[in-house]
Amino acid sequence: MMRRLIFELRYLLGHPPWDTGITPPELLAFLGRTPPGRALELGCGTGTNAVEMARRGWDVTAIDFSSRATAAARRRAAAARLPVVVRTGDVSDLRRVLGPFDLVLDIGCFHGLAPVAQARYADHVIQRTLPGATYLLYSFVDDGLAPRGGRALPTEESLRRLFTPAFAVTAIDHGTDRQRASAWFTFLRTG
């Protein structure tokens, strides 16, 4: 509850640093080489990426737990005159979100979840995808160098444990964001 209030406050006070309003080049590259299908964005924020996917012909469902963020996402989609289904809810409980999806996108949401919620999240992503689906995840990662504070960050190994054998990791692009280790993970649904 307190965590949700903090996020609501950040959206109330202005643009939080994680919601840049810019679709990242990694997603643009994927959209440029992949025919449209059904997409699910987890942790959609104010809808920048959901609207970009819809603009490119994707049937998009987007979810975030911040009501302020999802209200902004609905306004963004309406202003663009694009049909994006935006829901306010818990990304680790997708029982009311019907799949299957060809693409699941998460830019910076997963790493903020507690381990038990990460496990539920992974189960729901697996249940809502079929072989051939792609899961794109951008996350802060535990590189073993930074001091730990707050929640434990995912590692490549912890992500493999959660998502395999249903998904195979097909690419990892390591980087940094705000002086923290981060990575783009591309998973392909195999079984």
C-alpha atoms as a PDB file:
ATOM      1  CA  MET A   1       0.000   0.000   0.000  1.00  0.00           C
ATOM      2  CA  MET A   2       2.756   2.474   0.927  1.00  0.00           C
ATOM      3  CA  ARG A   3       4.650   1.644  -2.262  1.00  0.00           C
ATOM      4  CA  ARG A   4       1.577   2.419  -4.362  1.00  0.00           C
ATOM      5  CA  LEU A   5       1.147   5.764  -2.564  1.00  0.00           C
ATOM      6  CA  ILE A   6       4.749   6.666  -3.308  1.00  0.00           C
ATOM      7  CA  PHE A   7       4.213   5.970  -7.016  1.00  0.00           C
ATOM      8  CA  GLU A   8       0.963   7.961  -7.059  1.00  0.00           C
ATOM      9  CA  LEU A   9       2.765  10.867  -5.413  1.00  0.00           C
ATOM     10  CA  ARG A  10       5.615  10.724  -7.938  1.00  0.00           C
ATOM     11  CA  TYR A  11       3.106  10.929 -10.810  1.00  0.00           C
ATOM     12  CA  LEU A  12       1.207  13.726  -9.054  1.00  0.00           C
ATOM     13  CA  LEU A  13       4.363  15.819  -8.585  1.00  0.00           C
ATOM     14  CA  GLY A  14       5.531  15.505 -12.172  1.00  0.00           C
ATOM     15  CA  HIS A  15       7.255  13.126 -14.513  1.00  0.00           C
ATOM     16  CA  PRO A  16       9.032  10.390 -12.586  1.00  0.00           C
ATOM     17  CA  PRO A  17      12.489   9.486 -13.931  1.00  0.00           C
ATOM     18  CA  TRP A  18      11.368   6.055 -15.115  1.00  0.00           C
ATOM     19  CA  ASP A  19       8.588   7.448 -17.346  1.00  0.00           C
ATOM     20  CA  THR A  20      10.593   9.294 -19.986  1.00  0.00           C
ATOM     21  CA  GLY A  21       7.930   9.655 -22.676  1.00  0.00           C
ATOM     22  CA  ILE A  22      10.373   8.143 -25.181  1.00  0.00           C
ATOM     23  CA  THR A  23      10.014   4.690 -26.724  1.00  0.00           C
ATOM     24  CA  PRO A  24      13.413   2.986 -26.417  1.00  0.00           C
ATOM     25  CA  PRO A  25      15.314   1.986 -29.569  1.00  0.00           C
ATOM     26  CA  GLU A  26      15.301  -1.684 -28.507  1.00  0.00           C
ATOM     27  CA  LEU A  27      11.502  -1.758 -28.684  1.00  0.00           C
ATOM     28  CA  LEU A  28      11.429   0.273 -31.912  1.00  0.00           C
ATOM     29  CA  ALA A  29      13.851  -2.214 -33.518  1.00  0.00           C
ATOM     30  CA  PHE A  30      11.676  -5.143 -32.425  1.00  0.00           C
ATOM     31  CA  LEU A  31       8.523  -3.473 -33.763  1.00  0.00           C
ATOM     32  CA  GLY A  32      10.284  -2.678 -37.042  1.00  0.00           C
ATOM     33  CA  ARG A  33      11.136  -6.308 -37.722  1.00  0.00           C
ATOM     34  CA  THR A  34       8.058  -8.047 -36.270  1.00  0.00           C
ATOM     35  CA  PRO A  35       4.571  -8.214 -37.774  1.00  0.00           C
ATOM     36  CA  PRO A  36       1.888  -6.859 -35.419  1.00  0.00           C
ATOM     37  CA  GLY A  37      -0.103  -9.133 -33.141  1.00  0.00           C
ATOM     38  CA  ARG A  38      -1.426  -8.933 -29.593  1.00  0.00           C
ATOM     39  CA  ALA A  39       0.771  -7.147 -27.040  1.00  0.00           C
ATOM     40  CA  LEU A  40       0.641  -6.866 -23.254  1.00  0.00           C
ATOM     41  CA  GLU A  41       2.615  -4.119 -21.549  1.00  0.00           C
ATOM     42  CA  LEU A  42       3.259  -4.653 -17.841  1.00  0.00           C
ATOM     43  CA  GLY A  43       4.004  -1.491 -15.886  1.00  0.00           C
ATOM     44  CA  CYS A  44       2.839   0.759 -18.728  1.00  0.00           C
ATOM     45  CA  GLY A  45       3.169   4.067 -16.879  1.00  0.00           C
ATOM     46  CA  THR A  46       1.646   6.886 -18.923  1.00  0.00           C
ATOM     47  CA  GLY A  47       1.305   4.746 -22.048  1.00  0.00           C
ATOM     48  CA  THR A  48       4.162   5.912 -24.267  1.00  0.00           C
ATOM     49  CA  ASN A  49       5.074   2.412 -25.448  1.00  0.00           C
ATOM     50  CA  ALA A  50       1.513   1.084 -25.544  1.00  0.00           C
ATOM     51  CA  VAL A  51       0.522   3.924 -27.874  1.00  0.00           C
ATOM     52  CA  GLU A  52       3.600   3.382 -30.060  1.00  0.00           C
ATOM     53  CA  MET A  53       2.776  -0.320 -30.399  1.00  0.00           C
ATOM     54  CA  ALA A  54      -0.861   0.486 -31.264  1.00  0.00           C
ATOM     55  CA  ARG A  55       0.334   3.080 -33.796  1.00  0.00           C
ATOM     56  CA  ARG A  56       2.214   0.246 -35.510  1.00  0.00           C
ATOM     57  CA  GLY A  57      -0.861  -1.985 -35.688  1.00  0.00           C
ATOM     58  CA  TRP A  58      -0.574  -3.995 -32.484  1.00  0.00           C
ATOM     59  CA  ASP A  59      -3.671  -4.865 -30.428  1.00  0.00           C
ATOM     60  CA  VAL A  60      -2.457  -3.590 -27.046  1.00  0.00           C
ATOM     61  CA  THR A  61      -3.468  -4.208 -23.451  1.00  0.00           C
ATOM     62  CA  ALA A  62      -1.529  -2.187 -20.887  1.00  0.00           C
ATOM     63  CA  ILE A  63      -1.537  -2.441 -17.093  1.00  0.00           C
ATOM     64  CA  ASP A  64      -0.025  -0.435 -14.255  1.00  0.00           C
ATOM     65  CA  PHE A  65      -0.831  -0.205 -10.547  1.00  0.00           C
ATOM     66  CA  SER A  66      -0.802   3.595 -10.491  1.00  0.00           C
ATOM     67  CA  SER A  67      -4.237   5.034 -11.195  1.00  0.00           C
ATOM     68  CA  ARG A  68      -2.635   8.382 -12.080  1.00  0.00           C
ATOM     69  CA  ALA A  69      -0.379   6.697 -14.630  1.00  0.00           C
ATOM     70  CA  THR A  70      -3.179   4.664 -16.196  1.00  0.00           C
ATOM     71  CA  ALA A  71      -5.439   7.744 -16.408  1.00  0.00           C
ATOM     72  CA  ALA A  72      -2.628   9.494 -18.297  1.00  0.00           C
ATOM     73  CA  ALA A  73      -2.182   6.420 -20.533  1.00  0.00           C
ATOM     74  CA  ARG A  74      -5.890   6.459 -21.399  1.00  0.00           C
ATOM     75  CA  ARG A  75      -5.682  10.168 -22.256  1.00  0.00           C
ATOM     76  CA  ARG A  76      -2.584   9.571 -24.405  1.00  0.00           C
ATOM     77  CA  ALA A  77      -4.291   6.755 -26.336  1.00  0.00           C
ATOM     78  CA  ALA A  78      -7.481   8.822 -26.788  1.00  0.00           C
ATOM     79  CA  ALA A  79      -5.476  11.830 -28.024  1.00  0.00           C
ATOM     80  CA  ALA A  80      -3.744   9.567 -30.568  1.00  0.00           C
ATOM     81  CA  ARG A  81      -7.139   8.013 -31.450  1.00  0.00           C
ATOM     82  CA  LEU A  82      -5.745   4.556 -30.897  1.00  0.00           C
ATOM     83  CA  PRO A  83      -7.557   1.634 -29.252  1.00  0.00           C
ATOM     84  CA  VAL A  84      -5.402   0.691 -26.276  1.00  0.00           C
ATOM     85  CA  VAL A  85      -7.004  -1.222 -23.403  1.00  0.00           C
ATOM     86  CA  VAL A  86      -5.533   0.296 -20.237  1.00  0.00           C
ATOM     87  CA  ARG A  87      -6.110  -1.323 -16.857  1.00  0.00           C
ATOM     88  CA  THR A  88      -5.184  -0.337 -13.345  1.00  0.00           C
ATOM     89  CA  GLY A  89      -4.020  -3.437 -11.512  1.00  0.00           C
ATOM     90  CA  ASP A  90      -1.328  -5.700 -10.155  1.00  0.00           C
ATOM     91  CA  VAL A  91       1.088  -7.042 -12.783  1.00  0.00           C
ATOM     92  CA  SER A  92       1.599 -10.167 -10.675  1.00  0.00           C
ATOM     93  CA  ASP A  93      -2.123 -11.033 -10.864  1.00  0.00           C
ATOM     94  CA  LEU A  94      -3.294 -11.173 -14.462  1.00  0.00           C
ATOM     95  CA  ARG A  95      -6.281 -13.474 -13.959  1.00  0.00           C
ATOM     96  CA  ARG A  96      -8.609 -10.933 -15.577  1.00  0.00           C
ATOM     97  CA  VAL A  97      -6.305 -10.312 -18.540  1.00  0.00           C
ATOM     98  CA  LEU A  98      -7.098 -12.680 -21.375  1.00  0.00           C
ATOM     99  CA  GLY A  99      -4.350 -13.951 -23.640  1.00  0.00           C
ATOM    100  CA  PRO A 100      -2.691 -15.241 -25.556  1.00  0.00           C
ATOM    101  CA  PHE A 101      -0.259 -12.470 -26.395  1.00  0.00           C
ATOM    102  CA  ASP A 102       2.448 -12.472 -29.061  1.00  0.00           C
ATOM    103  CA  LEU A 103       4.503  -9.898 -27.170  1.00  0.00           C
ATOM    104  CA  VAL A 104       4.830  -9.139 -23.474  1.00  0.00           C
ATOM    105  CA  LEU A 105       6.756  -5.957 -22.693  1.00  0.00           C
ATOM    106  CA  ASP A 106       8.100  -4.793 -19.349  1.00  0.00           C
ATOM    107  CA  ILE A 107      10.324  -1.757 -19.120  1.00  0.00           C
ATOM    108  CA  GLY A 108      11.380  -1.335 -15.510  1.00  0.00           C
ATOM    109  CA  CYS A 109       8.519  -2.932 -13.609  1.00  0.00           C
ATOM    110  CA  PHE A 110       9.695  -6.469 -12.788  1.00  0.00           C
ATOM    111  CA  HIS A 111      12.719  -5.443 -10.705  1.00  0.00           C
ATOM    112  CA  GLY A 112      10.476  -3.504  -8.310  1.00  0.00           C
ATOM    113  CA  LEU A 113       8.474  -6.578  -7.317  1.00  0.00           C
ATOM    114  CA  ALA A 114       9.124  -8.720  -4.259  1.00  0.00           C
ATOM    115  CA  PRO A 115      10.388 -12.248  -5.072  1.00  0.00           C
ATOM    116  CA  VAL A 116       7.010 -13.894  -4.390  1.00  0.00           C
ATOM    117  CA  ALA A 117       5.322 -11.397  -6.731  1.00  0.00           C
ATOM    118  CA  GLN A 118       8.028 -12.008  -9.366  1.00  0.00           C
ATOM    119  CA  ALA A 119       7.198 -15.730  -9.286  1.00  0.00           C
ATOM    120  CA  ARG A 120       3.460 -15.044  -9.704  1.00  0.00           C
ATOM    121  CA  TYR A 121       4.224 -12.583 -12.481  1.00  0.00           C
ATOM    122  CA  ALA A 122       6.322 -15.184 -14.330  1.00  0.00           C
ATOM    123  CA  ASP A 123       3.555 -17.791 -14.024  1.00  0.00           C
ATOM    124  CA  HIS A 124       0.989 -15.360 -15.442  1.00  0.00           C
ATOM    125  CA  VAL A 125       3.253 -14.358 -18.350  1.00  0.00           C
ATOM    126  CA  ILE A 126       3.808 -18.020 -19.186  1.00  0.00           C
ATOM    127  CA  GLN A 127       0.059 -18.746 -19.007  1.00  0.00           C
ATOM    128  CA  ARG A 128      -0.753 -15.860 -21.368  1.00  0.00           C
ATOM    129  CA  THR A 129       1.698 -16.697 -24.140  1.00  0.00           C
ATOM    130  CA  LEU A 130       2.052 -19.501 -26.666  1.00  0.00           C
ATOM    131  CA  PRO A 131       5.141 -20.877 -28.433  1.00  0.00           C
ATOM    132  CA  GLY A 132       6.653 -18.191 -30.636  1.00  0.00           C
ATOM    133  CA  ALA A 133       5.738 -15.294 -28.341  1.00  0.00           C
ATOM    134  CA  THR A 134       8.388 -12.797 -27.287  1.00  0.00           C
ATOM    135  CA  TYR A 135       8.898 -11.385 -23.811  1.00  0.00           C
ATOM    136  CA  LEU A 136      10.996  -8.199 -23.748  1.00  0.00           C
ATOM    137  CA  LEU A 137      12.222  -7.214 -20.307  1.00  0.00           C
ATOM    138  CA  TYR A 138      14.260  -4.190 -19.341  1.00  0.00           C
ATOM    139  CA  SER A 139      15.373  -4.421 -15.739  1.00  0.00           C
ATOM    140  CA  PHE A 140      17.915  -3.246 -13.246  1.00  0.00           C
ATOM    141  CA  VAL A 141      20.080  -6.259 -12.449  1.00  0.00           C
ATOM    142  CA  ASP A 142      22.286  -7.409  -9.617  1.00  0.00           C
ATOM    143  CA  ASP A 143      25.811  -7.177 -10.950  1.00  0.00           C
ATOM    144  CA  GLY A 144      27.364  -8.130  -7.602  1.00  0.00           C
ATOM    145  CA  LEU A 145      29.176  -4.772  -7.425  1.00  0.00           C
ATOM    146  CA  ALA A 146      26.637  -2.246  -6.204  1.00  0.00           C
ATOM    147  CA  PRO A 147      25.675  -2.131  -2.542  1.00  0.00           C
ATOM    148  CA  ARG A 148      22.330  -3.719  -1.884  1.00  0.00           C
ATOM    149  CA  GLY A 149      19.518  -1.618  -0.590  1.00  0.00           C
ATOM    150  CA  GLY A 150      15.830  -2.340  -0.661  1.00  0.00           C
ATOM    151  CA  ARG A 151      14.609  -5.192  -2.857  1.00  0.00           C
ATOM    152  CA  ALA A 152      16.944  -7.809  -4.261  1.00  0.00           C
ATOM    153  CA  LEU A 153      17.496  -7.220  -7.968  1.00  0.00           C
ATOM    154  CA  PRO A 154      17.122 -10.046 -10.467  1.00  0.00           C
ATOM    155  CA  THR A 155      20.107 -11.824 -11.957  1.00  0.00           C
ATOM    156  CA  GLU A 156      20.361 -13.634 -15.267  1.00  0.00           C
ATOM    157  CA  GLU A 157      20.214 -16.903 -13.335  1.00  0.00           C
ATOM    158  CA  SER A 158      17.128 -15.947 -11.312  1.00  0.00           C
ATOM    159  CA  LEU A 159      15.325 -14.894 -14.489  1.00  0.00           C
ATOM    160  CA  ARG A 160      16.208 -18.169 -16.219  1.00  0.00           C
ATOM    161  CA  ARG A 161      14.879 -20.105 -13.209  1.00  0.00           C
ATOM    162  CA  LEU A 162      11.575 -18.211 -13.278  1.00  0.00           C
ATOM    163  CA  PHE A 163      10.905 -18.348 -17.016  1.00  0.00           C
ATOM    164  CA  THR A 164      12.434 -21.627 -18.259  1.00  0.00           C
ATOM    165  CA  PRO A 165      11.667 -24.090 -19.688  1.00  0.00           C
ATOM    166  CA  ALA A 166       8.688 -22.169 -21.146  1.00  0.00           C
ATOM    167  CA  PHE A 167      10.964 -19.378 -22.424  1.00  0.00           C
ATOM    168  CA  ALA A 168      14.507 -19.391 -23.764  1.00  0.00           C
ATOM    169  CA  VAL A 169      16.758 -16.358 -23.402  1.00  0.00           C
ATOM    170  CA  THR A 170      17.729 -15.352 -26.929  1.00  0.00           C
ATOM    171  CA  ALA A 171      19.548 -12.073 -26.212  1.00  0.00           C
ATOM    172  CA  ILE A 172      20.872 -10.021 -23.316  1.00  0.00           C
ATOM    173  CA  ASP A 173      22.121  -6.474 -23.798  1.00  0.00           C
ATOM    174  CA  HIS A 174      23.859  -5.167 -20.665  1.00  0.00           C
ATOM    175  CA  GLY A 175      24.094  -1.484 -19.843  1.00  0.00           C
ATOM    176  CA  THR A 176      23.660   1.077 -17.095  1.00  0.00           C
ATOM    177  CA  ASP A 177      20.807   3.386 -16.168  1.00  0.00           C
ATOM    178  CA  ARG A 178      21.155   6.119 -13.563  1.00  0.00           C
ATOM    179  CA  GLN A 179      24.462   4.536 -12.467  1.00  0.00           C
ATOM    180  CA  ARG A 180      22.886   1.106 -11.942  1.00  0.00           C
ATOM    181  CA  ALA A 181      23.547  -2.093 -13.845  1.00  0.00           C
ATOM    182  CA  SER A 182      20.701  -2.887 -16.214  1.00  0.00           C
ATOM    183  CA  ALA A 183      19.923  -5.182 -19.118  1.00  0.00           C
ATOM    184  CA  TRP A 184      17.475  -5.819 -21.923  1.00  0.00           C
ATOM    185  CA  PHE A 185      16.437  -9.472 -21.998  1.00  0.00           C
ATOM    186  CA  THR A 186      14.763 -11.042 -24.986  1.00  0.00           C
ATOM    187  CA  PHE A 187      12.937 -14.285 -24.259  1.00  0.00           C
ATOM    188  CA  LEU A 188      11.287 -16.551 -26.831  1.00  0.00           C
ATOM    189  CA  ARG A 189       8.390 -18.794 -25.770  1.00  0.00           C
ATOM    190  CA  THR A 190       9.451 -22.288 -26.743  1.00  0.00           C
ATOM    191  CA  GLY A 191       7.123 -24.693 -25.009  1.00  0.00           C
END
